[in-house]
């Protein structure tokens, strides 16, 4: 599997609780923080749900 770098670029304030929980599940707690994850279908689905809050790069 390839790896992706997920960076939170926008605050989750004023967004639904479900989207906040998705960010926390991805390991993102503050803006401008990055995590590296395997590009599994589960992770890609989570990223798709919060795509307006994150930036994704392939590694």
PDB file of N, CA and C in Angstrom:
ATOM      1  N   UNK A   1       0.837  -1.186   0.000  1.00  0.00           N
ATOM      2  CA  UNK A   1       0.000   0.000   0.000  1.00  0.00           C
ATOM      3  C   UNK A   1       0.880   1.246   0.000  1.00  0.00           C
ATOM      4  N   UNK A   2       0.389   2.261  -0.664  1.00  0.00           N
ATOM      5  CA  UNK A   2       1.104   3.528  -0.657  1.00  0.00           C
ATOM      6  C   UNK A   2       0.748   4.309   0.603  1.00  0.00           C
ATOM      7  N   UNK A   3       1.567   5.289   0.903  1.00  0.00           N
ATOM      8  CA  UNK A   3       1.329   6.126   2.076  1.00  0.00           C
ATOM      9  C   UNK A   3       0.871   7.495   1.611  1.00  0.00           C
ATOM     10  N   UNK A   4       0.075   8.138   2.457  1.00  0.00           N
ATOM     11  CA  UNK A   4      -0.373   9.498   2.182  1.00  0.00           C
ATOM     12  C   UNK A   4      -0.088  10.357   3.407  1.00  0.00           C
ATOM     13  N   UNK A   5       0.162  11.626   3.173  1.00  0.00           N
ATOM     14  CA  UNK A   5       0.327  12.594   4.255  1.00  0.00           C
ATOM     15  C   UNK A   5      -0.931  13.446   4.291  1.00  0.00           C
ATOM     16  N   UNK A   6      -1.584  13.488   5.436  1.00  0.00           N
ATOM     17  CA  UNK A   6      -2.819  14.243   5.614  1.00  0.00           C
ATOM     18  C   UNK A   6      -2.502  15.425   6.525  1.00  0.00           C
ATOM     19  N   UNK A   7      -2.789  16.642   6.049  1.00  0.00           N
ATOM     20  CA  UNK A   7      -2.524  17.851   6.802  1.00  0.00           C
ATOM     21  C   UNK A   7      -3.830  18.597   7.017  1.00  0.00           C
ATOM     22  N   UNK A   8      -4.123  18.943   8.261  1.00  0.00           N
ATOM     23  CA  UNK A   8      -5.325  19.722   8.554  1.00  0.00           C
ATOM     24  C   UNK A   8      -5.031  21.183   8.235  1.00  0.00           C
ATOM     25  N   UNK A   9      -5.814  21.766   7.322  1.00  0.00           N
ATOM     26  CA  UNK A   9      -5.565  23.143   6.895  1.00  0.00           C
ATOM     27  C   UNK A   9      -6.646  24.106   7.368  1.00  0.00           C
ATOM     28  N   UNK A  10      -7.722  23.595   7.922  1.00  0.00           N
ATOM     29  CA  UNK A  10      -8.820  24.440   8.357  1.00  0.00           C
ATOM     30  C   UNK A  10      -9.322  23.941   9.709  1.00  0.00           C
ATOM     31  N   UNK A  11      -9.772  24.850  10.542  1.00  0.00           N
ATOM     32  CA  UNK A  11     -10.274  24.503  11.863  1.00  0.00           C
ATOM     33  C   UNK A  11     -11.606  23.763  11.755  1.00  0.00           C
ATOM     34  N   UNK A  12     -11.867  22.907  12.724  1.00  0.00           N
ATOM     35  CA  UNK A  12     -13.120  22.149  12.722  1.00  0.00           C
ATOM     36  C   UNK A  12     -14.207  22.837  13.538  1.00  0.00           C
ATOM     37  N   UNK A  13     -13.940  24.056  14.015  1.00  0.00           N
ATOM     38  CA  UNK A  13     -14.951  24.814  14.751  1.00  0.00           C
ATOM     39  C   UNK A  13     -16.124  25.099  13.807  1.00  0.00           C
ATOM     40  N   UNK A  14     -17.334  25.006  14.310  1.00  0.00           N
ATOM     41  CA  UNK A  14     -18.577  25.234  13.556  1.00  0.00           C
ATOM     42  C   UNK A  14     -18.876  24.152  12.528  1.00  0.00           C
ATOM     43  N   UNK A  15     -18.230  22.986  12.650  1.00  0.00           N
ATOM     44  CA  UNK A  15     -18.558  21.851  11.789  1.00  0.00           C
ATOM     45  C   UNK A  15     -19.216  20.781  12.656  1.00  0.00           C
ATOM     46  N   UNK A  16     -19.964  19.876  12.057  1.00  0.00           N
ATOM     47  CA  UNK A  16     -20.666  18.851  12.838  1.00  0.00           C
ATOM     48  C   UNK A  16     -19.717  17.996  13.681  1.00  0.00           C
ATOM     49  N   UNK A  17     -20.223  17.516  14.789  1.00  0.00           N
ATOM     50  CA  UNK A  17     -19.445  16.688  15.708  1.00  0.00           C
ATOM     51  C   UNK A  17     -18.880  15.456  15.002  1.00  0.00           C
ATOM     52  N   UNK A  18     -19.620  14.933  14.069  1.00  0.00           N
ATOM     53  CA  UNK A  18     -19.179  13.739  13.334  1.00  0.00           C
ATOM     54  C   UNK A  18     -17.877  14.003  12.577  1.00  0.00           C
ATOM     55  N   UNK A  19     -17.764  15.199  11.990  1.00  0.00           N
ATOM     56  CA  UNK A  19     -16.549  15.547  11.256  1.00  0.00           C
ATOM     57  C   UNK A  19     -15.384  15.790  12.220  1.00  0.00           C
ATOM     58  N   UNK A  20     -15.655  16.356  13.382  1.00  0.00           N
ATOM     59  CA  UNK A  20     -14.618  16.537  14.391  1.00  0.00           C
ATOM     60  C   UNK A  20     -14.072  15.185  14.837  1.00  0.00           C
ATOM     61  N   UNK A  21     -14.963  14.227  15.051  1.00  0.00           N
ATOM     62  CA  UNK A  21     -14.550  12.899  15.476  1.00  0.00           C
ATOM     63  C   UNK A  21     -13.740  12.197  14.392  1.00  0.00           C
ATOM     64  N   UNK A  22     -14.079  12.444  13.132  1.00  0.00           N
ATOM     65  CA  UNK A  22     -13.329  11.862  12.033  1.00  0.00           C
ATOM     66  C   UNK A  22     -11.905  12.410  12.005  1.00  0.00           C
ATOM     67  N   UNK A  23     -11.754  13.717  12.233  1.00  0.00           N
ATOM     68  CA  UNK A  23     -10.413  14.303  12.295  1.00  0.00           C
ATOM     69  C   UNK A  23      -9.609  13.708  13.439  1.00  0.00           C
ATOM     70  N   UNK A  24     -10.220  13.571  14.604  1.00  0.00           N
ATOM     71  CA  UNK A  24      -9.524  12.986  15.745  1.00  0.00           C
ATOM     72  C   UNK A  24      -9.143  11.534  15.471  1.00  0.00           C
ATOM     73  N   UNK A  25     -10.012  10.799  14.789  1.00  0.00           N
ATOM     74  CA  UNK A  25      -9.716   9.402  14.457  1.00  0.00           C
ATOM     75  C   UNK A  25      -8.544   9.311  13.485  1.00  0.00           C
ATOM     76  N   UNK A  26      -8.392  10.313  12.638  1.00  0.00           N
ATOM     77  CA  UNK A  26      -7.245  10.353  11.734  1.00  0.00           C
ATOM     78  C   UNK A  26      -5.968  10.782  12.450  1.00  0.00           C
ATOM     79  N   UNK A  27      -6.087  11.290  13.660  1.00  0.00           N
ATOM     80  CA  UNK A  27      -4.927  11.715  14.429  1.00  0.00           C
ATOM     81  C   UNK A  27      -4.635  13.193  14.304  1.00  0.00           C
ATOM     82  N   UNK A  28      -5.606  13.970  13.812  1.00  0.00           N
ATOM     83  CA  UNK A  28      -5.422  15.408  13.625  1.00  0.00           C
ATOM     84  C   UNK A  28      -6.152  16.156  14.730  1.00  0.00           C
ATOM     85  N   UNK A  29      -5.416  16.985  15.466  1.00  0.00           N
ATOM     86  CA  UNK A  29      -6.034  17.701  16.571  1.00  0.00           C
ATOM     87  C   UNK A  29      -5.914  19.205  16.446  1.00  0.00           C
ATOM     88  N   UNK A  30      -5.003  19.696  15.591  1.00  0.00           N
ATOM     89  CA  UNK A  30      -4.820  21.133  15.405  1.00  0.00           C
ATOM     90  C   UNK A  30      -4.587  21.426  13.929  1.00  0.00           C
ATOM     91  N   UNK A  31      -4.799  22.669  13.545  1.00  0.00           N
ATOM     92  CA  UNK A  31      -4.512  23.048  12.167  1.00  0.00           C
ATOM     93  C   UNK A  31      -3.001  23.016  11.931  1.00  0.00           C
ATOM     94  N   UNK A  32      -2.631  22.805  10.691  1.00  0.00           N
ATOM     95  CA  UNK A  32      -1.239  22.733  10.232  1.00  0.00           C
ATOM     96  C   UNK A  32      -0.463  21.571  10.841  1.00  0.00           C
ATOM     97  N   UNK A  33      -1.146  20.554  11.314  1.00  0.00           N
ATOM     98  CA  UNK A  33      -0.492  19.334  11.788  1.00  0.00           C
ATOM     99  C   UNK A  33      -0.674  18.252  10.732  1.00  0.00           C
ATOM    100  N   UNK A  34       0.315  17.379  10.602  1.00  0.00           N
ATOM    101  CA  UNK A  34       0.278  16.334   9.589  1.00  0.00           C
ATOM    102  C   UNK A  34       0.431  14.960  10.224  1.00  0.00           C
ATOM    103  N   UNK A  35      -0.154  13.975   9.569  1.00  0.00           N
ATOM    104  CA  UNK A  35       0.036  12.574   9.933  1.00  0.00           C
ATOM    105  C   UNK A  35       0.264  11.793   8.649  1.00  0.00           C
ATOM    106  N   UNK A  36       0.981  10.684   8.764  1.00  0.00           N
ATOM    107  CA  UNK A  36       1.203   9.805   7.632  1.00  0.00           C
ATOM    108  C   UNK A  36       0.446   8.509   7.888  1.00  0.00           C
ATOM    109  N   UNK A  37      -0.338   8.110   6.902  1.00  0.00           N
ATOM    110  CA  UNK A  37      -1.168   6.912   7.040  1.00  0.00           C
ATOM    111  C   UNK A  37      -1.041   6.068   5.782  1.00  0.00           C
ATOM    112  N   UNK A  38      -1.337   4.780   5.906  1.00  0.00           N
ATOM    113  CA  UNK A  38      -1.448   3.909   4.749  1.00  0.00           C
ATOM    114  C   UNK A  38      -2.724   4.259   3.990  1.00  0.00           C
ATOM    115  N   UNK A  39      -2.690   4.190   2.684  1.00  0.00           N
ATOM    116  CA  UNK A  39      -3.841   4.566   1.859  1.00  0.00           C
ATOM    117  C   UNK A  39      -4.806   3.389   1.723  1.00  0.00           C
ATOM    118  N   UNK A  40      -5.433   3.002   2.829  1.00  0.00           N
ATOM    119  CA  UNK A  40      -6.420   1.928   2.807  1.00  0.00           C
ATOM    120  C   UNK A  40      -7.781   2.508   2.433  1.00  0.00           C
ATOM    121  N   UNK A  41      -8.711   1.685   1.999  1.00  0.00           N
ATOM    122  CA  UNK A  41     -10.046   2.198   1.673  1.00  0.00           C
ATOM    123  C   UNK A  41     -10.728   2.888   2.854  1.00  0.00           C
ATOM    124  N   UNK A  42     -10.487   2.409   4.068  1.00  0.00           N
ATOM    125  CA  UNK A  42     -11.096   3.014   5.248  1.00  0.00           C
ATOM    126  C   UNK A  42     -10.561   4.430   5.477  1.00  0.00           C
ATOM    127  N   UNK A  43      -9.254   4.590   5.382  1.00  0.00           N
ATOM    128  CA  UNK A  43      -8.633   5.906   5.576  1.00  0.00           C
ATOM    129  C   UNK A  43      -9.056   6.857   4.467  1.00  0.00           C
ATOM    130  N   UNK A  44      -9.076   6.390   3.236  1.00  0.00           N
ATOM    131  CA  UNK A  44      -9.477   7.240   2.115  1.00  0.00           C
ATOM    132  C   UNK A  44     -10.932   7.685   2.251  1.00  0.00           C
ATOM    133  N   UNK A  45     -11.792   6.824   2.785  1.00  0.00           N
ATOM    134  CA  UNK A  45     -13.181   7.190   3.019  1.00  0.00           C
ATOM    135  C   UNK A  45     -13.306   8.265   4.088  1.00  0.00           C
ATOM    136  N   UNK A  46     -12.489   8.152   5.138  1.00  0.00           N
ATOM    137  CA  UNK A  46     -12.499   9.169   6.186  1.00  0.00           C
ATOM    138  C   UNK A  46     -12.000  10.503   5.646  1.00  0.00           C
ATOM    139  N   UNK A  47     -10.958  10.459   4.824  1.00  0.00           N
ATOM    140  CA  UNK A  47     -10.422  11.684   4.232  1.00  0.00           C
ATOM    141  C   UNK A  47     -11.468  12.327   3.320  1.00  0.00           C
ATOM    142  N   UNK A  48     -12.208  11.515   2.594  1.00  0.00           N
ATOM    143  CA  UNK A  48     -13.237  12.049   1.699  1.00  0.00           C
ATOM    144  C   UNK A  48     -14.317  12.806   2.479  1.00  0.00           C
ATOM    145  N   UNK A  49     -14.643  12.344   3.677  1.00  0.00           N
ATOM    146  CA  UNK A  49     -15.676  12.997   4.484  1.00  0.00           C
ATOM    147  C   UNK A  49     -15.249  14.360   5.010  1.00  0.00           C
ATOM    148  N   UNK A  50     -13.946  14.568   5.165  1.00  0.00           N
ATOM    149  CA  UNK A  50     -13.456  15.846   5.686  1.00  0.00           C
ATOM    150  C   UNK A  50     -12.518  16.524   4.680  1.00  0.00           C
ATOM    151  N   UNK A  51     -12.742  16.287   3.400  1.00  0.00           N
ATOM    152  CA  UNK A  51     -11.835  16.804   2.363  1.00  0.00           C
ATOM    153  C   UNK A  51     -11.782  18.328   2.327  1.00  0.00           C
ATOM    154  N   UNK A  52     -12.794  18.996   2.847  1.00  0.00           N
ATOM    155  CA  UNK A  52     -12.812  20.461   2.882  1.00  0.00           C
ATOM    156  C   UNK A  52     -11.961  21.012   4.032  1.00  0.00           C
ATOM    157  N   UNK A  53     -11.495  20.138   4.924  1.00  0.00           N
ATOM    158  CA  UNK A  53     -10.693  20.572   6.064  1.00  0.00           C
ATOM    159  C   UNK A  53      -9.233  20.135   5.968  1.00  0.00           C
ATOM    160  N   UNK A  54      -8.907  19.251   5.032  1.00  0.00           N
ATOM    161  CA  UNK A  54      -7.567  18.681   4.974  1.00  0.00           C
ATOM    162  C   UNK A  54      -6.966  18.810   3.581  1.00  0.00           C
ATOM    163  N   UNK A  55      -5.635  18.632   3.538  1.00  0.00           N
ATOM    164  CA  UNK A  55      -4.899  18.556   2.284  1.00  0.00           C
ATOM    165  C   UNK A  55      -4.205  17.200   2.286  1.00  0.00           C
ATOM    166  N   UNK A  56      -4.237  16.496   1.139  1.00  0.00           N
ATOM    167  CA  UNK A  56      -3.688  15.154   1.052  1.00  0.00           C
ATOM    168  C   UNK A  56      -2.559  15.136   0.013  1.00  0.00           C
ATOM    169  N   UNK A  57      -1.431  14.537   0.417  1.00  0.00           N
ATOM    170  CA  UNK A  57      -0.294  14.390  -0.495  1.00  0.00           C
ATOM    171  C   UNK A  57       0.102  12.924  -0.523  1.00  0.00           C
ATOM    172  N   UNK A  58       0.505  12.475  -1.693  1.00  0.00           N
ATOM    173  CA  UNK A  58       1.027  11.120  -1.813  1.00  0.00           C
ATOM    174  C   UNK A  58       2.508  11.124  -1.459  1.00  0.00           C
ATOM    175  N   UNK A  59       2.955  10.094  -0.755  1.00  0.00           N
ATOM    176  CA  UNK A  59       4.378  10.018  -0.360  1.00  0.00           C
ATOM    177  C   UNK A  59       5.048   8.946  -1.191  1.00  0.00           C
TER     178      UNK A  59
END
